[in-house]
Amino acid sequence: MANRMTVAEYRAENTARLVKLEERQISIFKSIQRIEKSLEKMNGRVDENTTNLTKITTVGAVGILIIPIIVSIIMRSI
């Protein structure tokens, strides 16, 4: 004959399982919060790097346009 549980034992076992699941869920939520904080930091760095890259590209483009003009003016004045 199969091992039969009383209703009280069944409830106690299910309550213990629910407690374990709840603890795991809390642990998962804490891990997710840490990951989100890390992502926020990384996104901030990416934004900063994108801004710096745009500045460098702009300065380079302006330099490529202006340097030949300056050289041309200097060559004409000589």
PDB file of N, CA and C in Angstrom:
ATOM      1  N   MET A   1       0.824  -1.175   0.000  1.00  0.00           N
ATOM      2  CA  MET A   1       0.000   0.000   0.000  1.00  0.00           C
ATOM      3  C   MET A   1       0.876   1.249   0.000  1.00  0.00           C
ATOM      4  N   ALA A   2       0.433   2.229  -0.733  1.00  0.00           N
ATOM      5  CA  ALA A   2       1.200   3.466  -0.860  1.00  0.00           C
ATOM      6  C   ALA A   2       1.227   4.218   0.463  1.00  0.00           C
ATOM      7  N   ASN A   3       2.287   4.970   0.660  1.00  0.00           N
ATOM      8  CA  ASN A   3       2.437   5.775   1.868  1.00  0.00           C
ATOM      9  C   ASN A   3       1.457   6.942   1.786  1.00  0.00           C
ATOM     10  N   ARG A   4       0.481   6.961   2.648  1.00  0.00           N
ATOM     11  CA  ARG A   4      -0.540   8.012   2.631  1.00  0.00           C
ATOM     12  C   ARG A   4      -0.168   9.111   3.619  1.00  0.00           C
ATOM     13  N   MET A   5      -0.401  10.349   3.180  1.00  0.00           N
ATOM     14  CA  MET A   5      -0.112  11.510   4.027  1.00  0.00           C
ATOM     15  C   MET A   5      -1.425  12.028   4.603  1.00  0.00           C
ATOM     16  N   THR A   6      -1.302  12.591   5.757  1.00  0.00           N
ATOM     17  CA  THR A   6      -2.483  13.260   6.308  1.00  0.00           C
ATOM     18  C   THR A   6      -2.589  14.627   5.658  1.00  0.00           C
ATOM     19  N   VAL A   7      -3.735  15.229   5.804  1.00  0.00           N
ATOM     20  CA  VAL A   7      -3.948  16.564   5.233  1.00  0.00           C
ATOM     21  C   VAL A   7      -2.971  17.562   5.844  1.00  0.00           C
ATOM     22  N   ALA A   8      -2.720  17.444   7.118  1.00  0.00           N
ATOM     23  CA  ALA A   8      -1.806  18.363   7.803  1.00  0.00           C
ATOM     24  C   ALA A   8      -0.386  18.214   7.256  1.00  0.00           C
ATOM     25  N   GLU A   9       0.044  16.963   7.023  1.00  0.00           N
ATOM     26  CA  GLU A   9       1.382  16.739   6.475  1.00  0.00           C
ATOM     27  C   GLU A   9       1.483  17.301   5.053  1.00  0.00           C
ATOM     28  N   TYR A  10       0.437  17.087   4.283  1.00  0.00           N
ATOM     29  CA  TYR A  10       0.405  17.587   2.906  1.00  0.00           C
ATOM     30  C   TYR A  10       0.497  19.113   2.883  1.00  0.00           C
ATOM     31  N   ARG A  11      -0.267  19.741   3.768  1.00  0.00           N
ATOM     32  CA  ARG A  11      -0.240  21.205   3.845  1.00  0.00           C
ATOM     33  C   ARG A  11       1.130  21.706   4.289  1.00  0.00           C
ATOM     34  N   ALA A  12       1.714  21.045   5.265  1.00  0.00           N
ATOM     35  CA  ALA A  12       3.024  21.456   5.765  1.00  0.00           C
ATOM     36  C   ALA A  12       4.075  21.314   4.663  1.00  0.00           C
ATOM     37  N   GLU A  13       4.010  20.227   3.906  1.00  0.00           N
ATOM     38  CA  GLU A  13       4.964  20.019   2.824  1.00  0.00           C
ATOM     39  C   GLU A  13       4.801  21.080   1.740  1.00  0.00           C
ATOM     40  N   ASN A  14       3.576  21.372   1.372  1.00  0.00           N
ATOM     41  CA  ASN A  14       3.333  22.399   0.359  1.00  0.00           C
ATOM     42  C   ASN A  14       3.727  23.780   0.845  1.00  0.00           C
ATOM     43  N   THR A  15       3.513  24.058   2.107  1.00  0.00           N
ATOM     44  CA  THR A  15       3.922  25.339   2.676  1.00  0.00           C
ATOM     45  C   THR A  15       5.443  25.470   2.616  1.00  0.00           C
ATOM     46  N   ALA A  16       6.159  24.395   2.947  1.00  0.00           N
ATOM     47  CA  ALA A  16       7.626  24.419   2.887  1.00  0.00           C
ATOM     48  C   ALA A  16       8.097  24.653   1.449  1.00  0.00           C
ATOM     49  N   ARG A  17       7.453  24.014   0.489  1.00  0.00           N
ATOM     50  CA  ARG A  17       7.811  24.228  -0.920  1.00  0.00           C
ATOM     51  C   ARG A  17       7.576  25.678  -1.329  1.00  0.00           C
ATOM     52  N   LEU A  18       6.447  26.244  -0.917  1.00  0.00           N
ATOM     53  CA  LEU A  18       6.147  27.634  -1.261  1.00  0.00           C
ATOM     54  C   LEU A  18       7.162  28.593  -0.658  1.00  0.00           C
ATOM     55  N   VAL A  19       7.584  28.312   0.562  1.00  0.00           N
ATOM     56  CA  VAL A  19       8.590  29.161   1.209  1.00  0.00           C
ATOM     57  C   VAL A  19       9.899  29.109   0.432  1.00  0.00           C
ATOM     58  N   LYS A  20      10.314  27.900   0.017  1.00  0.00           N
ATOM     59  CA  LYS A  20      11.541  27.764  -0.768  1.00  0.00           C
ATOM     60  C   LYS A  20      11.426  28.520  -2.090  1.00  0.00           C
ATOM     61  N   LEU A  21      10.294  28.385  -2.747  1.00  0.00           N
ATOM     62  CA  LEU A  21      10.092  29.083  -4.018  1.00  0.00           C
ATOM     63  C   LEU A  21      10.115  30.596  -3.834  1.00  0.00           C
ATOM     64  N   GLU A  22       9.523  31.060  -2.759  1.00  0.00           N
ATOM     65  CA  GLU A  22       9.508  32.504  -2.491  1.00  0.00           C
ATOM     66  C   GLU A  22      10.924  33.023  -2.236  1.00  0.00           C
ATOM     67  N   GLU A  23      11.716  32.248  -1.499  1.00  0.00           N
ATOM     68  CA  GLU A  23      13.103  32.651  -1.239  1.00  0.00           C
ATOM     69  C   GLU A  23      13.897  32.704  -2.541  1.00  0.00           C
ATOM     70  N   ARG A  24      13.690  31.729  -3.416  1.00  0.00           N
ATOM     71  CA  ARG A  24      14.383  31.730  -4.701  1.00  0.00           C
ATOM     72  C   ARG A  24      13.942  32.917  -5.553  1.00  0.00           C
ATOM     73  N   GLN A  25      12.663  33.233  -5.488  1.00  0.00           N
ATOM     74  CA  GLN A  25      12.143  34.363  -6.259  1.00  0.00           C
ATOM     75  C   GLN A  25      12.765  35.670  -5.773  1.00  0.00           C
ATOM     76  N   ILE A  26      12.896  35.842  -4.484  1.00  0.00           N
ATOM     77  CA  ILE A  26      13.515  37.045  -3.920  1.00  0.00           C
ATOM     78  C   ILE A  26      14.974  37.130  -4.377  1.00  0.00           C
ATOM     79  N   SER A  27      15.664  35.997  -4.353  1.00  0.00           N
ATOM     80  CA  SER A  27      17.054  35.955  -4.804  1.00  0.00           C
ATOM     81  C   SER A  27      17.165  36.350  -6.276  1.00  0.00           C
ATOM     82  N   ILE A  28      16.255  35.852  -7.094  1.00  0.00           N
ATOM     83  CA  ILE A  28      16.255  36.188  -8.518  1.00  0.00           C
ATOM     84  C   ILE A  28      15.999  37.676  -8.713  1.00  0.00           C
ATOM     85  N   PHE A  29      15.059  38.250  -7.977  1.00  0.00           N
ATOM     86  CA  PHE A  29      14.775  39.678  -8.103  1.00  0.00           C
ATOM     87  C   PHE A  29      15.978  40.516  -7.708  1.00  0.00           C
ATOM     88  N   LYS A  30      16.692  40.113  -6.667  1.00  0.00           N
ATOM     89  CA  LYS A  30      17.891  40.854  -6.261  1.00  0.00           C
ATOM     90  C   LYS A  30      18.958  40.791  -7.345  1.00  0.00           C
ATOM     91  N   SER A  31      19.106  39.621  -7.955  1.00  0.00           N
ATOM     92  CA  SER A  31      20.083  39.481  -9.042  1.00  0.00           C
ATOM     93  C   SER A  31      19.704  40.373 -10.217  1.00  0.00           C
ATOM     94  N   ILE A  32      18.436  40.417 -10.540  1.00  0.00           N
ATOM     95  CA  ILE A  32      17.963  41.258 -11.642  1.00  0.00           C
ATOM     96  C   ILE A  32      18.233  42.725 -11.347  1.00  0.00           C
ATOM     97  N   GLN A  33      18.031  43.146 -10.108  1.00  0.00           N
ATOM     98  CA  GLN A  33      18.295  44.542  -9.740  1.00  0.00           C
ATOM     99  C   GLN A  33      19.774  44.879  -9.921  1.00  0.00           C
ATOM    100  N   ARG A  34      20.666  43.958  -9.522  1.00  0.00           N
ATOM    101  CA  ARG A  34      22.110  44.190  -9.701  1.00  0.00           C
ATOM    102  C   ARG A  34      22.451  44.284 -11.188  1.00  0.00           C
ATOM    103  N   ILE A  35      21.853  43.425 -11.989  1.00  0.00           N
ATOM    104  CA  ILE A  35      22.101  43.451 -13.434  1.00  0.00           C
ATOM    105  C   ILE A  35      21.613  44.757 -14.035  1.00  0.00           C
ATOM    106  N   GLU A  36      20.437  45.226 -13.607  1.00  0.00           N
ATOM    107  CA  GLU A  36      19.903  46.489 -14.131  1.00  0.00           C
ATOM    108  C   GLU A  36      20.811  47.661 -13.768  1.00  0.00           C
ATOM    109  N   LYS A  37      21.348  47.676 -12.546  1.00  0.00           N
ATOM    110  CA  LYS A  37      22.268  48.746 -12.150  1.00  0.00           C
ATOM    111  C   LYS A  37      23.518  48.722 -13.017  1.00  0.00           C
ATOM    112  N   SER A  38      24.023  47.515 -13.262  1.00  0.00           N
ATOM    113  CA  SER A  38      25.212  47.378 -14.103  1.00  0.00           C
ATOM    114  C   SER A  38      24.926  47.861 -15.522  1.00  0.00           C
ATOM    115  N   LEU A  39      23.769  47.529 -16.050  1.00  0.00           N
ATOM    116  CA  LEU A  39      23.390  47.975 -17.389  1.00  0.00           C
ATOM    117  C   LEU A  39      23.262  49.492 -17.462  1.00  0.00           C
ATOM    118  N   GLU A  40      22.733  50.100 -16.404  1.00  0.00           N
ATOM    119  CA  GLU A  40      22.620  51.560 -16.385  1.00  0.00           C
ATOM    120  C   GLU A  40      24.009  52.195 -16.469  1.00  0.00           C
ATOM    121  N   LYS A  41      24.977  51.631 -15.726  1.00  0.00           N
ATOM    122  CA  LYS A  41      26.346  52.151 -15.784  1.00  0.00           C
ATOM    123  C   LYS A  41      26.905  52.009 -17.190  1.00  0.00           C
ATOM    124  N   MET A  42      26.725  50.831 -17.780  1.00  0.00           N
ATOM    125  CA  MET A  42      27.255  50.588 -19.126  1.00  0.00           C
ATOM    126  C   MET A  42      26.597  51.495 -20.152  1.00  0.00           C
ATOM    127  N   ASN A  43      25.298  51.698 -20.039  1.00  0.00           N
ATOM    128  CA  ASN A  43      24.606  52.580 -20.981  1.00  0.00           C
ATOM    129  C   ASN A  43      25.115  54.009 -20.853  1.00  0.00           C
ATOM    130  N   GLY A  44      25.426  54.434 -19.635  1.00  0.00           N
ATOM    131  CA  GLY A  44      25.987  55.765 -19.430  1.00  0.00           C
ATOM    132  C   GLY A  44      27.340  55.899 -20.110  1.00  0.00           C
ATOM    133  N   ARG A  45      28.148  54.848 -19.991  1.00  0.00           N
ATOM    134  CA  ARG A  45      29.468  54.878 -20.634  1.00  0.00           C
ATOM    135  C   ARG A  45      29.323  54.883 -22.153  1.00  0.00           C
ATOM    136  N   VAL A  46      28.392  54.110 -22.665  1.00  0.00           N
ATOM    137  CA  VAL A  46      28.185  54.063 -24.115  1.00  0.00           C
ATOM    138  C   VAL A  46      27.733  55.431 -24.614  1.00  0.00           C
ATOM    139  N   ASP A  47      26.822  56.072 -23.885  1.00  0.00           N
ATOM    140  CA  ASP A  47      26.374  57.415 -24.279  1.00  0.00           C
ATOM    141  C   ASP A  47      27.541  58.401 -24.285  1.00  0.00           C
ATOM    142  N   GLU A  48      28.364  58.329 -23.251  1.00  0.00           N
ATOM    143  CA  GLU A  48      29.519  59.221 -23.158  1.00  0.00           C
ATOM    144  C   GLU A  48      30.491  58.974 -24.309  1.00  0.00           C
ATOM    145  N   ASN A  49      30.746  57.708 -24.609  1.00  0.00           N
ATOM    146  CA  ASN A  49      31.653  57.382 -25.709  1.00  0.00           C
ATOM    147  C   ASN A  49      31.084  57.823 -27.053  1.00  0.00           C
ATOM    148  N   THR A  50      29.783  57.687 -27.228  1.00  0.00           N
ATOM    149  CA  THR A  50      29.148  58.129 -28.471  1.00  0.00           C
ATOM    150  C   THR A  50      29.292  59.636 -28.633  1.00  0.00           C
ATOM    151  N   THR A  51      29.099  60.369 -27.553  1.00  0.00           N
ATOM    152  CA  THR A  51      29.254  61.827 -27.594  1.00  0.00           C
ATOM    153  C   THR A  51      30.693  62.205 -27.942  1.00  0.00           C
ATOM    154  N   ASN A  52      31.655  61.541 -27.301  1.00  0.00           N
ATOM    155  CA  ASN A  52      33.069  61.835 -27.581  1.00  0.00           C
ATOM    156  C   ASN A  52      33.425  61.505 -29.027  1.00  0.00           C
ATOM    157  N   LEU A  53      32.914  60.398 -29.527  1.00  0.00           N
ATOM    158  CA  LEU A  53      33.184  60.017 -30.915  1.00  0.00           C
ATOM    159  C   LEU A  53      32.608  61.043 -31.889  1.00  0.00           C
ATOM    160  N   THR A  54      31.423  61.548 -31.586  1.00  0.00           N
ATOM    161  CA  THR A  54      30.810  62.577 -32.429  1.00  0.00           C
ATOM    162  C   THR A  54      31.657  63.845 -32.423  1.00  0.00           C
ATOM    163  N   LYS A  55      32.160  64.235 -31.253  1.00  0.00           N
ATOM    164  CA  LYS A  55      33.016  65.421 -31.161  1.00  0.00           C
ATOM    165  C   LYS A  55      34.289  65.241 -31.989  1.00  0.00           C
ATOM    166  N   ILE A  56      34.916  64.076 -31.848  1.00  0.00           N
ATOM    167  CA  ILE A  56      36.158  63.810 -32.583  1.00  0.00           C
ATOM    168  C   ILE A  56      35.903  63.832 -34.090  1.00  0.00           C
ATOM    169  N   THR A  57      34.820  63.226 -34.512  1.00  0.00           N
ATOM    170  CA  THR A  57      34.476  63.196 -35.935  1.00  0.00           C
ATOM    171  C   THR A  57      34.224  64.605 -36.458  1.00  0.00           C
ATOM    172  N   THR A  58      33.540  65.427 -35.685  1.00  0.00           N
ATOM    173  CA  THR A  58      33.250  66.798 -36.099  1.00  0.00           C
ATOM    174  C   THR A  58      34.534  67.607 -36.231  1.00  0.00           C
ATOM    175  N   VAL A  59      35.404  67.508 -35.234  1.00  0.00           N
ATOM    176  CA  VAL A  59      36.671  68.243 -35.279  1.00  0.00           C
ATOM    177  C   VAL A  59      37.505  67.776 -36.467  1.00  0.00           C
ATOM    178  N   GLY A  60      37.533  66.470 -36.721  1.00  0.00           N
ATOM    179  CA  GLY A  60      38.280  65.937 -37.856  1.00  0.00           C
ATOM    180  C   GLY A  60      37.744  66.444 -39.186  1.00  0.00           C
ATOM    181  N   ALA A  61      36.421  66.456 -39.328  1.00  0.00           N
ATOM    182  CA  ALA A  61      35.817  66.931 -40.578  1.00  0.00           C
ATOM    183  C   ALA A  61      36.111  68.406 -40.796  1.00  0.00           C
ATOM    184  N   VAL A  62      36.002  69.203 -39.753  1.00  0.00           N
ATOM    185  CA  VAL A  62      36.298  70.632 -39.862  1.00  0.00           C
ATOM    186  C   VAL A  62      37.767  70.830 -40.202  1.00  0.00           C
ATOM    187  N   GLY A  63      38.656  70.046 -39.572  1.00  0.00           N
ATOM    188  CA  GLY A  63      40.084  70.148 -39.855  1.00  0.00           C
ATOM    189  C   GLY A  63      40.396  69.804 -41.302  1.00  0.00           C
ATOM    190  N   ILE A  64      39.749  68.785 -41.834  1.00  0.00           N
ATOM    191  CA  ILE A  64      39.984  68.393 -43.224  1.00  0.00           C
ATOM    192  C   ILE A  64      39.533  69.491 -44.180  1.00  0.00           C
ATOM    193  N   LEU A  65      38.504  70.211 -43.824  1.00  0.00           N
ATOM    194  CA  LEU A  65      38.027  71.297 -44.690  1.00  0.00           C
ATOM    195  C   LEU A  65      38.865  72.569 -44.545  1.00  0.00           C
ATOM    196  N   ILE A  66      39.297  72.886 -43.341  1.00  0.00           N
ATOM    197  CA  ILE A  66      39.968  74.157 -43.085  1.00  0.00           C
ATOM    198  C   ILE A  66      41.469  74.114 -43.407  1.00  0.00           C
ATOM    199  N   ILE A  67      42.148  73.024 -43.115  1.00  0.00           N
ATOM    200  CA  ILE A  67      43.599  72.953 -43.329  1.00  0.00           C
ATOM    201  C   ILE A  67      43.976  73.227 -44.786  1.00  0.00           C
ATOM    202  N   PRO A  68      43.318  72.641 -45.788  1.00  0.00           N
ATOM    203  CA  PRO A  68      43.690  72.983 -47.167  1.00  0.00           C
ATOM    204  C   PRO A  68      43.483  74.457 -47.497  1.00  0.00           C
ATOM    205  N   ILE A  69      42.451  75.060 -46.932  1.00  0.00           N
ATOM    206  CA  ILE A  69      42.208  76.484 -47.172  1.00  0.00           C
ATOM    207  C   ILE A  69      43.334  77.311 -46.574  1.00  0.00           C
ATOM    208  N   ILE A  70      43.758  76.985 -45.376  1.00  0.00           N
ATOM    209  CA  ILE A  70      44.850  77.716 -44.707  1.00  0.00           C
ATOM    210  C   ILE A  70      46.142  77.536 -45.497  1.00  0.00           C
ATOM    211  N   VAL A  71      46.432  76.314 -45.904  1.00  0.00           N
ATOM    212  CA  VAL A  71      47.642  76.067 -46.698  1.00  0.00           C
ATOM    213  C   VAL A  71      47.599  76.852 -48.009  1.00  0.00           C
ATOM    214  N   SER A  72      46.455  76.886 -48.630  1.00  0.00           N
ATOM    215  CA  SER A  72      46.291  77.625 -49.877  1.00  0.00           C
ATOM    216  C   SER A  72      46.537  79.105 -49.662  1.00  0.00           C
ATOM    217  N   ILE A  73      46.009  79.675 -48.609  1.00  0.00           N
ATOM    218  CA  ILE A  73      46.212  81.099 -48.318  1.00  0.00           C
ATOM    219  C   ILE A  73      47.698  81.368 -48.046  1.00  0.00           C
ATOM    220  N   ILE A  74      48.333  80.499 -47.299  1.00  0.00           N
ATOM    221  CA  ILE A  74      49.764  80.689 -46.995  1.00  0.00           C
ATOM    222  C   ILE A  74      50.582  80.607 -48.285  1.00  0.00           C
ATOM    223  N   MET A  75      50.259  79.672 -49.152  1.00  0.00           N
ATOM    224  CA  MET A  75      51.007  79.519 -50.394  1.00  0.00           C
ATOM    225  C   MET A  75      50.830  80.727 -51.308  1.00  0.00           C
ATOM    226  N   ARG A  76      49.674  81.336 -51.301  1.00  0.00           N
ATOM    227  CA  ARG A  76      49.442  82.529 -52.129  1.00  0.00           C
ATOM    228  C   ARG A  76      50.184  83.718 -51.578  1.00  0.00           C
ATOM    229  N   SER A  77      50.307  83.807 -50.266  1.00  0.00           N
ATOM    230  CA  SER A  77      50.975  84.967 -49.675  1.00  0.00           C
ATOM    231  C   SER A  77      52.494  84.891 -49.803  1.00  0.00           C
ATOM    232  N   ILE A  78      53.012  83.744 -50.070  1.00  0.00           N
ATOM    233  CA  ILE A  78      54.485  83.597 -50.182  1.00  0.00           C
ATOM    234  C   ILE A  78      54.954  84.004 -51.538  1.00  0.00           C
TER     235      ILE A  78
END
